[in-house]
Full PDB file with SEQRES, HELIX, SHEET, SSBOND, CRYST1, ORIGX, SCALE, CONECT and MASTER records, all heavy atoms in Angstrom:
SEQRES   1 A   37  ARG ILE MET ASP SER ARG THR ASP SER TRP GLY ARG LYS          
SEQRES   2 A   37  ALA GLY PRO LEU PRO ALA ARG SER TYR LEU ALA LEU ARG          
SEQRES   3 A   37  LEU GLU GLY ASP THR THR SER PRO ASP VAL ASP                  
CRYST1    1.000    1.000    1.000  90.00  90.00  90.00 P 1           1          
ORIGX1      1.000000  0.000000  0.000000        0.00000                         
ORIGX2      0.000000  1.000000  0.000000        0.00000                         
ORIGX3      0.000000  0.000000  1.000000        0.00000                         
SCALE1      1.000000  0.000000  0.000000        0.00000                         
SCALE2      0.000000  1.000000  0.000000        0.00000                         
SCALE3      0.000000  0.000000  1.000000        0.00000                         
ATOM      1  N   ARG A   1     231.677-129.644  10.584  1.00  0.00           N  
ATOM      2  CA  ARG A   1     230.862-129.803   9.331  1.00  0.00           C  
ATOM      3  C   ARG A   1     230.852-128.495   8.659  1.00  0.00           C  
ATOM      4  O   ARG A   1     230.192-127.543   9.225  1.00  0.00           O  
ATOM      5  CB  ARG A   1     229.429-130.398   9.545  1.00  0.00           C  
ATOM      6  CG  ARG A   1     228.627-130.514   8.253  1.00  0.00           C  
ATOM      7  CD  ARG A   1     227.729-131.683   8.298  1.00  0.00           C  
ATOM      8  NE  ARG A   1     228.496-132.923   8.264  1.00  0.00           N  
ATOM      9  CZ  ARG A   1     228.039-134.116   8.393  1.00  0.00           C  
ATOM     10  NH1 ARG A   1     226.674-134.273   8.475  1.00  0.00           N  
ATOM     11  NH2 ARG A   1     228.723-135.192   8.387  1.00  0.00           N  
ATOM     12  N   ILE A   2     231.498-128.334   7.569  1.00  0.00           N  
ATOM     13  CA  ILE A   2     231.615-126.946   6.954  1.00  0.00           C  
ATOM     14  C   ILE A   2     230.746-126.815   5.763  1.00  0.00           C  
ATOM     15  O   ILE A   2     230.538-125.720   5.271  1.00  0.00           O  
ATOM     16  CB  ILE A   2     233.053-126.631   6.580  1.00  0.00           C  
ATOM     17  CG1 ILE A   2     233.626-127.626   5.654  1.00  0.00           C  
ATOM     18  CG2 ILE A   2     233.887-126.508   7.895  1.00  0.00           C  
ATOM     19  CD1 ILE A   2     235.024-127.348   5.125  1.00  0.00           C  
ATOM     20  N   MET A   3     230.127-127.879   5.311  1.00  0.00           N  
ATOM     21  CA  MET A   3     229.203-127.796   4.121  1.00  0.00           C  
ATOM     22  C   MET A   3     228.332-128.961   4.042  1.00  0.00           C  
ATOM     23  O   MET A   3     228.791-130.093   4.276  1.00  0.00           O  
ATOM     24  CB  MET A   3     230.048-127.587   2.828  1.00  0.00           C  
ATOM     25  CG  MET A   3     229.280-127.322   1.560  1.00  0.00           C  
ATOM     26  SD  MET A   3     228.970-128.818   0.668  1.00  0.00           S  
ATOM     27  CE  MET A   3     227.782-128.157  -0.515  1.00  0.00           C  
ATOM     28  N   ASP A   4     227.038-128.750   3.914  1.00  0.00           N  
ATOM     29  CA  ASP A   4     226.131-129.881   3.647  1.00  0.00           C  
ATOM     30  C   ASP A   4     225.080-129.303   2.694  1.00  0.00           C  
ATOM     31  O   ASP A   4     224.333-128.436   3.041  1.00  0.00           O  
ATOM     32  CB  ASP A   4     225.428-130.294   4.947  1.00  0.00           C  
ATOM     33  CG  ASP A   4     224.616-131.599   4.783  1.00  0.00           C  
ATOM     34  OD1 ASP A   4     224.106-131.858   3.726  1.00  0.00           O  
ATOM     35  OD2 ASP A   4     224.350-132.207   5.903  1.00  0.00           O  
ATOM     36  N   SER A   5     224.988-129.899   1.459  1.00  0.00           N  
ATOM     37  CA  SER A   5     224.197-129.346   0.441  1.00  0.00           C  
ATOM     38  C   SER A   5     222.731-129.650   0.696  1.00  0.00           C  
ATOM     39  O   SER A   5     221.910-128.962   0.082  1.00  0.00           O  
ATOM     40  CB  SER A   5     224.511-129.892  -0.980  1.00  0.00           C  
ATOM     41  OG  SER A   5     224.300-131.335  -0.988  1.00  0.00           O  
ATOM     42  N   ARG A   6     222.404-130.466   1.663  1.00  0.00           N  
ATOM     43  CA  ARG A   6     221.056-130.784   1.919  1.00  0.00           C  
ATOM     44  C   ARG A   6     220.349-129.777   2.870  1.00  0.00           C  
ATOM     45  O   ARG A   6     219.196-129.958   3.097  1.00  0.00           O  
ATOM     46  CB  ARG A   6     220.926-132.205   2.613  1.00  0.00           C  
ATOM     47  CG  ARG A   6     221.593-133.244   1.751  1.00  0.00           C  
ATOM     48  CD  ARG A   6     221.851-134.542   2.581  1.00  0.00           C  
ATOM     49  NE  ARG A   6     222.623-134.302   3.629  1.00  0.00           N  
ATOM     50  CZ  ARG A   6     222.902-135.283   4.612  1.00  0.00           C  
ATOM     51  NH1 ARG A   6     222.406-136.476   4.565  1.00  0.00           N  
ATOM     52  NH2 ARG A   6     223.749-135.006   5.531  1.00  0.00           N  
ATOM     53  N   THR A   7     221.162-128.851   3.496  1.00  0.00           N  
ATOM     54  CA  THR A   7     220.631-127.850   4.430  1.00  0.00           C  
ATOM     55  C   THR A   7     220.867-126.496   4.020  1.00  0.00           C  
ATOM     56  O   THR A   7     221.938-126.264   3.267  1.00  0.00           O  
ATOM     57  CB  THR A   7     221.247-128.083   5.825  1.00  0.00           C  
ATOM     58  OG1 THR A   7     222.587-127.871   5.868  1.00  0.00           O  
ATOM     59  CG2 THR A   7     220.959-129.577   6.342  1.00  0.00           C  
ATOM     60  N   ASP A   8     220.192-125.564   4.500  1.00  0.00           N  
ATOM     61  CA  ASP A   8     220.372-124.118   4.119  1.00  0.00           C  
ATOM     62  C   ASP A   8     221.706-123.740   4.919  1.00  0.00           C  
ATOM     63  O   ASP A   8     221.910-124.203   6.011  1.00  0.00           O  
ATOM     64  CB  ASP A   8     219.303-123.287   4.615  1.00  0.00           C  
ATOM     65  CG  ASP A   8     218.043-123.392   3.750  1.00  0.00           C  
ATOM     66  OD1 ASP A   8     218.115-123.925   2.664  1.00  0.00           O  
ATOM     67  OD2 ASP A   8     216.983-122.884   4.279  1.00  0.00           O  
ATOM     68  N   SER A   9     222.475-122.895   4.274  1.00  0.00           N  
ATOM     69  CA  SER A   9     223.643-122.241   4.903  1.00  0.00           C  
ATOM     70  C   SER A   9     223.662-120.821   4.532  1.00  0.00           C  
ATOM     71  O   SER A   9     222.845-120.353   3.726  1.00  0.00           O  
ATOM     72  CB  SER A   9     224.995-123.024   4.479  1.00  0.00           C  
ATOM     73  OG  SER A   9     225.041-122.935   3.095  1.00  0.00           O  
ATOM     74  N   TRP A  10     224.504-120.119   5.146  1.00  0.00           N  
ATOM     75  CA  TRP A  10     224.459-118.632   4.949  1.00  0.00           C  
ATOM     76  C   TRP A  10     224.605-118.184   3.455  1.00  0.00           C  
ATOM     77  O   TRP A  10     225.624-118.465   2.858  1.00  0.00           O  
ATOM     78  CB  TRP A  10     225.614-117.938   5.748  1.00  0.00           C  
ATOM     79  CG  TRP A  10     225.468-118.166   7.204  1.00  0.00           C  
ATOM     80  CD1 TRP A  10     224.312-118.349   7.909  1.00  0.00           C  
ATOM     81  CD2 TRP A  10     226.537-118.234   8.192  1.00  0.00           C  
ATOM     82  NE1 TRP A  10     224.519-118.489   9.238  1.00  0.00           N  
ATOM     83  CE2 TRP A  10     225.930-118.480   9.435  1.00  0.00           C  
ATOM     84  CE3 TRP A  10     227.931-118.198   8.125  1.00  0.00           C  
ATOM     85  CZ2 TRP A  10     226.682-118.558  10.639  1.00  0.00           C  
ATOM     86  CZ3 TRP A  10     228.679-118.213   9.206  1.00  0.00           C  
ATOM     87  CH2 TRP A  10     228.029-118.407  10.479  1.00  0.00           C  
ATOM     88  N   GLY A  11     223.528-117.683   2.939  1.00  0.00           N  
ATOM     89  CA  GLY A  11     223.612-117.279   1.525  1.00  0.00           C  
ATOM     90  C   GLY A  11     223.372-118.399   0.515  1.00  0.00           C  
ATOM     91  O   GLY A  11     223.398-118.030  -0.699  1.00  0.00           O  
ATOM     92  N   ARG A  12     223.107-119.571   0.901  1.00  0.00           N  
ATOM     93  CA  ARG A  12     222.922-120.605  -0.044  1.00  0.00           C  
ATOM     94  C   ARG A  12     221.849-121.495   0.466  1.00  0.00           C  
ATOM     95  O   ARG A  12     221.772-122.091   1.628  1.00  0.00           O  
ATOM     96  CB  ARG A  12     224.221-121.521  -0.218  1.00  0.00           C  
ATOM     97  CG  ARG A  12     224.039-122.689  -1.197  1.00  0.00           C  
ATOM     98  CD  ARG A  12     225.221-123.555  -1.290  1.00  0.00           C  
ATOM     99  NE  ARG A  12     225.127-124.480  -2.384  1.00  0.00           N  
ATOM    100  CZ  ARG A  12     224.484-125.605  -2.364  1.00  0.00           C  
ATOM    101  NH1 ARG A  12     223.833-126.007  -1.356  1.00  0.00           N  
ATOM    102  NH2 ARG A  12     224.504-126.392  -3.453  1.00  0.00           N  
ATOM    103  N   LYS A  13     220.731-121.682  -0.336  1.00  0.00           N  
ATOM    104  CA  LYS A  13     219.623-122.453  -0.075  1.00  0.00           C  
ATOM    105  C   LYS A  13     220.034-124.019  -0.313  1.00  0.00           C  
ATOM    106  O   LYS A  13     220.921-124.266  -1.094  1.00  0.00           O  
ATOM    107  CB  LYS A  13     218.454-122.129  -1.015  1.00  0.00           C  
ATOM    108  CG  LYS A  13     217.868-120.845  -0.724  1.00  0.00           C  
ATOM    109  CD  LYS A  13     217.248-120.810   0.698  1.00  0.00           C  
ATOM    110  CE  LYS A  13     216.406-119.464   0.902  1.00  0.00           C  
ATOM    111  NZ  LYS A  13     215.848-119.465   2.348  1.00  0.00           N  
ATOM    112  N   ALA A  14     219.363-124.799   0.425  1.00  0.00           N  
ATOM    113  CA  ALA A  14     219.634-126.282   0.325  1.00  0.00           C  
ATOM    114  C   ALA A  14     219.356-126.704  -1.134  1.00  0.00           C  
ATOM    115  O   ALA A  14     218.411-126.304  -1.632  1.00  0.00           O  
ATOM    116  CB  ALA A  14     218.788-127.062   1.296  1.00  0.00           C  
ATOM    117  N   GLY A  15     220.149-127.536  -1.609  1.00  0.00           N  
ATOM    118  CA  GLY A  15     220.013-128.005  -3.017  1.00  0.00           C  
ATOM    119  C   GLY A  15     221.172-128.913  -3.422  1.00  0.00           C  
ATOM    120  O   GLY A  15     222.318-128.558  -2.969  1.00  0.00           O  
ATOM    121  N   PRO A  16     221.022-129.827  -4.311  1.00  0.00           N  
ATOM    122  CA  PRO A  16     222.102-130.642  -4.707  1.00  0.00           C  
ATOM    123  C   PRO A  16     223.176-129.925  -5.563  1.00  0.00           C  
ATOM    124  O   PRO A  16     222.904-128.839  -6.066  1.00  0.00           O  
ATOM    125  CB  PRO A  16     221.462-131.707  -5.604  1.00  0.00           C  
ATOM    126  CG  PRO A  16     220.201-131.112  -6.000  1.00  0.00           C  
ATOM    127  CD  PRO A  16     219.772-130.128  -4.961  1.00  0.00           C  
ATOM    128  N   LEU A  17     224.289-130.472  -5.766  1.00  0.00           N  
ATOM    129  CA  LEU A  17     225.339-129.952  -6.624  1.00  0.00           C  
ATOM    130  C   LEU A  17     225.080-130.457  -8.026  1.00  0.00           C  
ATOM    131  O   LEU A  17     225.115-131.707  -8.256  1.00  0.00           O  
ATOM    132  CB  LEU A  17     226.743-130.475  -6.105  1.00  0.00           C  
ATOM    133  CG  LEU A  17     227.960-130.073  -6.928  1.00  0.00           C  
ATOM    134  CD1 LEU A  17     228.047-128.473  -6.962  1.00  0.00           C  
ATOM    135  CD2 LEU A  17     229.218-130.612  -6.353  1.00  0.00           C  
ATOM    136  N   PRO A  18     224.806-129.575  -9.013  1.00  0.00           N  
ATOM    137  CA  PRO A  18     224.414-130.075 -10.269  1.00  0.00           C  
ATOM    138  C   PRO A  18     225.491-130.888 -10.984  1.00  0.00           C  
ATOM    139  O   PRO A  18     226.638-130.734 -10.697  1.00  0.00           O  
ATOM    140  CB  PRO A  18     224.110-128.799 -11.030  1.00  0.00           C  
ATOM    141  CG  PRO A  18     223.795-127.783  -9.968  1.00  0.00           C  
ATOM    142  CD  PRO A  18     224.650-128.215  -8.828  1.00  0.00           C  
ATOM    143  N   ALA A  19     225.035-131.691 -11.915  1.00  0.00           N  
ATOM    144  CA  ALA A  19     225.914-132.557 -12.699  1.00  0.00           C  
ATOM    145  C   ALA A  19     226.973-131.660 -13.487  1.00  0.00           C  
ATOM    146  O   ALA A  19     226.591-130.521 -13.968  1.00  0.00           O  
ATOM    147  CB  ALA A  19     225.183-133.422 -13.660  1.00  0.00           C  
ATOM    148  N   ARG A  20     228.174-132.183 -13.601  1.00  0.00           N  
ATOM    149  CA  ARG A  20     229.262-131.465 -14.429  1.00  0.00           C  
ATOM    150  C   ARG A  20     229.531-130.094 -14.048  1.00  0.00           C  
ATOM    151  O   ARG A  20     229.799-129.203 -14.803  1.00  0.00           O  
ATOM    152  CB  ARG A  20     228.826-131.569 -15.924  1.00  0.00           C  
ATOM    153  CG  ARG A  20     228.510-133.006 -16.416  1.00  0.00           C  
ATOM    154  CD  ARG A  20     229.589-133.987 -16.263  1.00  0.00           C  
ATOM    155  NE  ARG A  20     230.687-133.582 -17.220  1.00  0.00           N  
ATOM    156  CZ  ARG A  20     231.872-134.194 -17.152  1.00  0.00           C  
ATOM    157  NH1 ARG A  20     232.187-135.085 -16.186  1.00  0.00           N  
ATOM    158  NH2 ARG A  20     232.882-133.802 -17.912  1.00  0.00           N  
ATOM    159  N   SER A  21     229.360-129.765 -12.729  1.00  0.00           N  
ATOM    160  CA  SER A  21     229.567-128.422 -12.217  1.00  0.00           C  
ATOM    161  C   SER A  21     230.490-128.445 -11.039  1.00  0.00           C  
ATOM    162  O   SER A  21     230.894-129.550 -10.530  1.00  0.00           O  
ATOM    163  CB  SER A  21     228.232-127.755 -11.776  1.00  0.00           C  
ATOM    164  OG  SER A  21     227.807-128.374 -10.635  1.00  0.00           O  
ATOM    165  N   TYR A  22     230.883-127.338 -10.525  1.00  0.00           N  
ATOM    166  CA  TYR A  22     231.722-127.297  -9.344  1.00  0.00           C  
ATOM    167  C   TYR A  22     231.175-126.286  -8.376  1.00  0.00           C  
ATOM    168  O   TYR A  22     230.409-125.315  -8.647  1.00  0.00           O  
ATOM    169  CB  TYR A  22     233.119-126.990  -9.665  1.00  0.00           C  
ATOM    170  CG  TYR A  22     233.515-125.515 -10.030  1.00  0.00           C  
ATOM    171  CD1 TYR A  22     233.982-124.683  -8.999  1.00  0.00           C  
ATOM    172  CD2 TYR A  22     233.409-125.133 -11.281  1.00  0.00           C  
ATOM    173  CE1 TYR A  22     234.228-123.417  -9.302  1.00  0.00           C  
ATOM    174  CE2 TYR A  22     233.742-123.803 -11.540  1.00  0.00           C  
ATOM    175  CZ  TYR A  22     234.139-122.868 -10.610  1.00  0.00           C  
ATOM    176  OH  TYR A  22     234.489-121.603 -10.857  1.00  0.00           O  
ATOM    177  N   LEU A  23     231.600-126.449  -7.078  1.00  0.00           N  
ATOM    178  CA  LEU A  23     231.233-125.516  -6.010  1.00  0.00           C  
ATOM    179  C   LEU A  23     232.514-125.014  -5.431  1.00  0.00           C  
ATOM    180  O   LEU A  23     233.538-125.739  -5.087  1.00  0.00           O  
ATOM    181  CB  LEU A  23     230.454-126.203  -4.953  1.00  0.00           C  
ATOM    182  CG  LEU A  23     229.923-125.424  -3.817  1.00  0.00           C  
ATOM    183  CD1 LEU A  23     228.616-126.079  -3.269  1.00  0.00           C  
ATOM    184  CD2 LEU A  23     230.954-125.463  -2.630  1.00  0.00           C  
ATOM    185  N   ALA A  24     232.657-123.666  -5.427  1.00  0.00           N  
ATOM    186  CA  ALA A  24     233.757-122.982  -4.830  1.00  0.00           C  
ATOM    187  C   ALA A  24     233.568-122.823  -3.317  1.00  0.00           C  
ATOM    188  O   ALA A  24     232.672-122.012  -2.924  1.00  0.00           O  
ATOM    189  CB  ALA A  24     234.127-121.674  -5.619  1.00  0.00           C  
ATOM    190  N   LEU A  25     234.506-123.343  -2.579  1.00  0.00           N  
ATOM    191  CA  LEU A  25     234.252-123.297  -1.064  1.00  0.00           C  
ATOM    192  C   LEU A  25     235.439-122.512  -0.541  1.00  0.00           C  
ATOM    193  O   LEU A  25     236.565-122.875  -0.527  1.00  0.00           O  
ATOM    194  CB  LEU A  25     234.288-124.675  -0.442  1.00  0.00           C  
ATOM    195  CG  LEU A  25     234.055-124.811   0.959  1.00  0.00           C  
ATOM    196  CD1 LEU A  25     232.743-124.308   1.449  1.00  0.00           C  
ATOM    197  CD2 LEU A  25     234.263-126.331   1.416  1.00  0.00           C  
ATOM    198  N   ARG A  26     235.114-121.325   0.079  1.00  0.00           N  
ATOM    199  CA  ARG A  26     236.168-120.449   0.669  1.00  0.00           C  
ATOM    200  C   ARG A  26     236.473-120.934   2.058  1.00  0.00           C  
ATOM    201  O   ARG A  26     235.542-121.007   2.925  1.00  0.00           O  
ATOM    202  CB  ARG A  26     235.657-119.045   0.756  1.00  0.00           C  
ATOM    203  CG  ARG A  26     236.717-118.052   1.075  1.00  0.00           C  
ATOM    204  CD  ARG A  26     236.240-116.562   1.078  1.00  0.00           C  
ATOM    205  NE  ARG A  26     235.360-116.274   2.240  1.00  0.00           N  
ATOM    206  CZ  ARG A  26     234.977-115.043   2.582  1.00  0.00           C  
ATOM    207  NH1 ARG A  26     235.400-114.065   1.824  1.00  0.00           N  
ATOM    208  NH2 ARG A  26     234.259-114.803   3.608  1.00  0.00           N  
ATOM    209  N   LEU A  27     237.680-121.205   2.325  1.00  0.00           N  
ATOM    210  CA  LEU A  27     238.065-121.804   3.644  1.00  0.00           C  
ATOM    211  C   LEU A  27     238.826-120.766   4.485  1.00  0.00           C  
ATOM    212  O   LEU A  27     239.000-121.085   5.736  1.00  0.00           O  
ATOM    213  CB  LEU A  27     238.920-123.110   3.410  1.00  0.00           C  
ATOM    214  CG  LEU A  27     238.088-124.169   2.758  1.00  0.00           C  
ATOM    215  CD1 LEU A  27     239.141-125.356   2.439  1.00  0.00           C  
ATOM    216  CD2 LEU A  27     237.086-124.699   3.603  1.00  0.00           C  
ATOM    217  N   GLU A  28     239.294-119.758   3.972  1.00  0.00           N  
ATOM    218  CA  GLU A  28     239.936-118.647   4.711  1.00  0.00           C  
ATOM    219  C   GLU A  28     239.180-117.412   4.510  1.00  0.00           C  
ATOM    220  O   GLU A  28     238.476-117.331   3.575  1.00  0.00           O  
ATOM    221  CB  GLU A  28     241.468-118.523   4.500  1.00  0.00           C  
ATOM    222  CG  GLU A  28     242.220-119.785   4.870  1.00  0.00           C  
ATOM    223  CD  GLU A  28     243.721-119.629   4.812  1.00  0.00           C  
ATOM    224  OE1 GLU A  28     244.245-118.698   5.480  1.00  0.00           O  
ATOM    225  OE2 GLU A  28     244.328-120.312   3.964  1.00  0.00           O  
ATOM    226  N   GLY A  29     239.442-116.339   5.144  1.00  0.00           N  
ATOM    227  CA  GLY A  29     238.762-115.096   4.902  1.00  0.00           C  
ATOM    228  C   GLY A  29     239.066-114.569   3.453  1.00  0.00           C  
ATOM    229  O   GLY A  29     239.560-115.346   2.593  1.00  0.00           O  
ATOM    230  N   ASP A  30     238.714-113.351   3.160  1.00  0.00           N  
ATOM    231  CA  ASP A  30     238.896-112.846   1.820  1.00  0.00           C  
ATOM    232  C   ASP A  30     240.469-112.452   1.767  1.00  0.00           C  
ATOM    233  O   ASP A  30     240.894-111.249   1.877  1.00  0.00           O  
ATOM    234  CB  ASP A  30     238.073-111.597   1.541  1.00  0.00           C  
ATOM    235  CG  ASP A  30     238.089-111.126   0.126  1.00  0.00           C  
ATOM    236  OD1 ASP A  30     238.823-111.692  -0.677  1.00  0.00           O  
ATOM    237  OD2 ASP A  30     237.482-110.058  -0.145  1.00  0.00           O  
ATOM    238  N   THR A  31     241.276-113.414   1.531  1.00  0.00           N  
ATOM    239  CA  THR A  31     242.652-113.371   1.613  1.00  0.00           C  
ATOM    240  C   THR A  31     243.347-113.404   0.230  1.00  0.00           C  
ATOM    241  O   THR A  31     242.935-114.094  -0.648  1.00  0.00           O  
ATOM    242  CB  THR A  31     243.253-114.342   2.588  1.00  0.00           C  
ATOM    243  OG1 THR A  31     244.655-114.181   2.731  1.00  0.00           O  
ATOM    244  CG2 THR A  31     242.954-115.763   2.034  1.00  0.00           C  
ATOM    245  N   THR A  32     244.515-112.731   0.148  1.00  0.00           N  
ATOM    246  CA  THR A  32     245.416-112.938  -0.963  1.00  0.00           C  
ATOM    247  C   THR A  32     246.666-113.583  -0.521  1.00  0.00           C  
ATOM    248  O   THR A  32     247.681-113.874  -1.328  1.00  0.00           O  
ATOM    249  CB  THR A  32     245.802-111.668  -1.697  1.00  0.00           C  
ATOM    250  OG1 THR A  32     246.364-110.771  -0.684  1.00  0.00           O  
ATOM    251  CG2 THR A  32     244.518-110.919  -2.176  1.00  0.00           C  
ATOM    252  N   SER A  33     246.796-114.006   0.711  1.00  0.00           N  
ATOM    253  CA  SER A  33     247.992-114.587   1.302  1.00  0.00           C  
ATOM    254  C   SER A  33     247.566-115.641   2.364  1.00  0.00           C  
ATOM    255  O   SER A  33     247.491-115.441   3.572  1.00  0.00           O  
ATOM    256  CB  SER A  33     248.914-113.620   2.042  1.00  0.00           C  
ATOM    257  OG  SER A  33     250.108-114.151   2.495  1.00  0.00           O  
ATOM    258  N   PRO A  34     247.141-116.823   1.876  1.00  0.00           N  
ATOM    259  CA  PRO A  34     246.624-117.872   2.839  1.00  0.00           C  
ATOM    260  C   PRO A  34     247.561-118.256   3.926  1.00  0.00           C  
ATOM    261  O   PRO A  34     248.820-118.307   3.672  1.00  0.00           O  
ATOM    262  CB  PRO A  34     246.280-119.007   1.857  1.00  0.00           C  
ATOM    263  CG  PRO A  34     246.215-118.400   0.485  1.00  0.00           C  
ATOM    264  CD  PRO A  34     247.156-117.273   0.459  1.00  0.00           C  
ATOM    265  N   ASP A  35     247.020-118.509   5.078  1.00  0.00           N  
ATOM    266  CA  ASP A  35     247.804-118.984   6.126  1.00  0.00           C  
ATOM    267  C   ASP A  35     247.930-120.439   6.182  1.00  0.00           C  
ATOM    268  O   ASP A  35     248.754-121.015   6.940  1.00  0.00           O  
ATOM    269  CB  ASP A  35     247.199-118.534   7.436  1.00  0.00           C  
ATOM    270  CG  ASP A  35     247.199-117.075   7.757  1.00  0.00           C  
ATOM    271  OD1 ASP A  35     248.196-116.392   7.282  1.00  0.00           O  
ATOM    272  OD2 ASP A  35     246.304-116.430   8.295  1.00  0.00           O  
ATOM    273  N   VAL A  36     247.101-121.234   5.478  1.00  0.00           N  
ATOM    274  CA  VAL A  36     247.034-122.649   5.513  1.00  0.00           C  
ATOM    275  C   VAL A  36     247.733-123.210   4.224  1.00  0.00           C  
ATOM    276  O   VAL A  36     247.407-122.785   3.110  1.00  0.00           O  
ATOM    277  CB  VAL A  36     245.592-123.111   5.638  1.00  0.00           C  
ATOM    278  CG1 VAL A  36     245.469-124.635   5.513  1.00  0.00           C  
ATOM    279  CG2 VAL A  36     244.947-122.662   6.957  1.00  0.00           C  
ATOM    280  N   ASP A  37     248.542-124.165   4.464  1.00  0.00           N  
ATOM    281  CA  ASP A  37     249.255-124.884   3.251  1.00  0.00           C  
ATOM    282  C   ASP A  37     248.402-125.933   2.619  1.00  0.00           C  
ATOM    283  O   ASP A  37     248.467-126.163   1.476  1.00  0.00           O  
ATOM    284  CB  ASP A  37     250.588-125.484   3.784  1.00  0.00           C  
ATOM    285  CG  ASP A  37     251.516-124.475   4.411  1.00  0.00           C  
ATOM    286  OD1 ASP A  37     251.570-123.342   3.983  1.00  0.00           O  
ATOM    287  OD2 ASP A  37     252.131-124.814   5.407  1.00  0.00           O  
TER     288      ASP A  37                                                      
MASTER        0    0    0    0    0    0    0    6  287    1    0    3          
END                                                                             
């Protein structure tokens, strides 16, 4: 489980995803050359 808006996570308080918006989810480190296709 990598994300659950109902619970607190590092740097983000629990709360819903607002209407007509997006959430950017980083899945690899701070990379400019991803290892995952």
